[in-house]
Amino acid sequence: MAFVSDPVLRGEHIGKVFPVSRDLLGRGTHWLSALEDVSFTLERGHSLGVVGESGSGKSTLARILVGLLPPTSGRILLNGRDVSERQRSWTSEVRRRVQIIFQDPYSSLDPRMRLREIITEGMWYSGLGTRQKEQRAYELLEQVGLSSSVGSNYPHQLSGGQRQRVGIARALAANPDVLIADEPVSALDVSVQGQILNLLRRLQREHNLTLLFITHDLAVARHMADSIVVMHMGKIVESAPTEKLFLKPLHPYTQALLSASLVFGRPRTARIVLEGDLANPVDPPRACRFASRCFRRIDRCIKEDPRLEPGASSDHLLACFNWVEMEKESNAASRAG
């Protein structure tokens, strides 16, 4: 996979497996493959969308990048420096530079702490005094659209959308280089989702934030991301600039996702119904993991594992042996649901 020069965040062949059974000595005998050979680059000030259905490895990737999980293989480079080993001497520096907004605003805030305490907790490294930290917390509350007067409140006194705004303020308190948003609006009412998304876009412009946005909603991804990677069962199956991916999706999995979604500005296509069962993520076969549900499967798909390579253009990558542009798809493969 070709990389641009000097990205702020880069993942190289990241893999993560979890043991699901062990022998008498405690050694793993069967492994669940959550991520395999995941590579990406994220330039400063840009936003990268990560999409896919539940179980595709999106949240596992986010937790690895923020340091909550160690990768099994591969490496992560932050500003050109390998942080995969999480060296003790500068782990705190990495965690300051990469912050995360969690999916659930109800469980991600400590119910025993006041809002100003939650926000100032991320300023411990700054050298500011107590009064200065509190003043900074009030400023951040106003930046995310809340009154500074709520700083004395507890999380249970706020609505879901207000709590997520506090979560955003807490992430910004550390002045991060990279902000990871893990499904930040999926737990919110539809009426509030647009407000939070527009808030993130505004903050990205004002703070020149580098954003990695994880979602299962393709319409949200199009609104938020400059480029998108599509994940299926722990692997990237397609990667492209946002508009190129939405106008000409090449991988059959991406085409199926788009056919089932309502995306503003994109013509509605016939629904692609995926039949068959998901591949087993425990000790998966060395073949295409989408082959069991693919409507363009060929013999090679069940014998070889496709690599992520350029498709219709050099910046449009996909892992497929038999890709076809969506508008050229035959009626036999694309049928109404």
Foldseek 3Di string as FASTA:
>chain_A
DDDDPQAQKKWFQFWAWDAPDADPVRHGDWIFTQATGDIDGFHFLFEEEEAEDPSLNQVVVLCCQLVVDQTPDTFMAGRRHTCNVVDVVCVLVSNLQEEEQDAFLVPPFDQVDFLLCLQLVLCPPVPDDPVVSSVLSQVLLVLLPHHSVSRRPGPVVDDRLSSSSSSVSSSCSSVHQEYEYANHPPVDDPVSSVSNLVSVVVVSVVSSHGYYYYDNALQSCLVRHQKYFYGGNNYTFKIAGSVCCQAWPWDQVSVQSNQVHDHPPHDHDAHFDFDFDFARSIVGDQFDRCQRRALQHDPRRVVHWFDFADDPDRRITGGDDDIDTPVPDDCVRGHHD
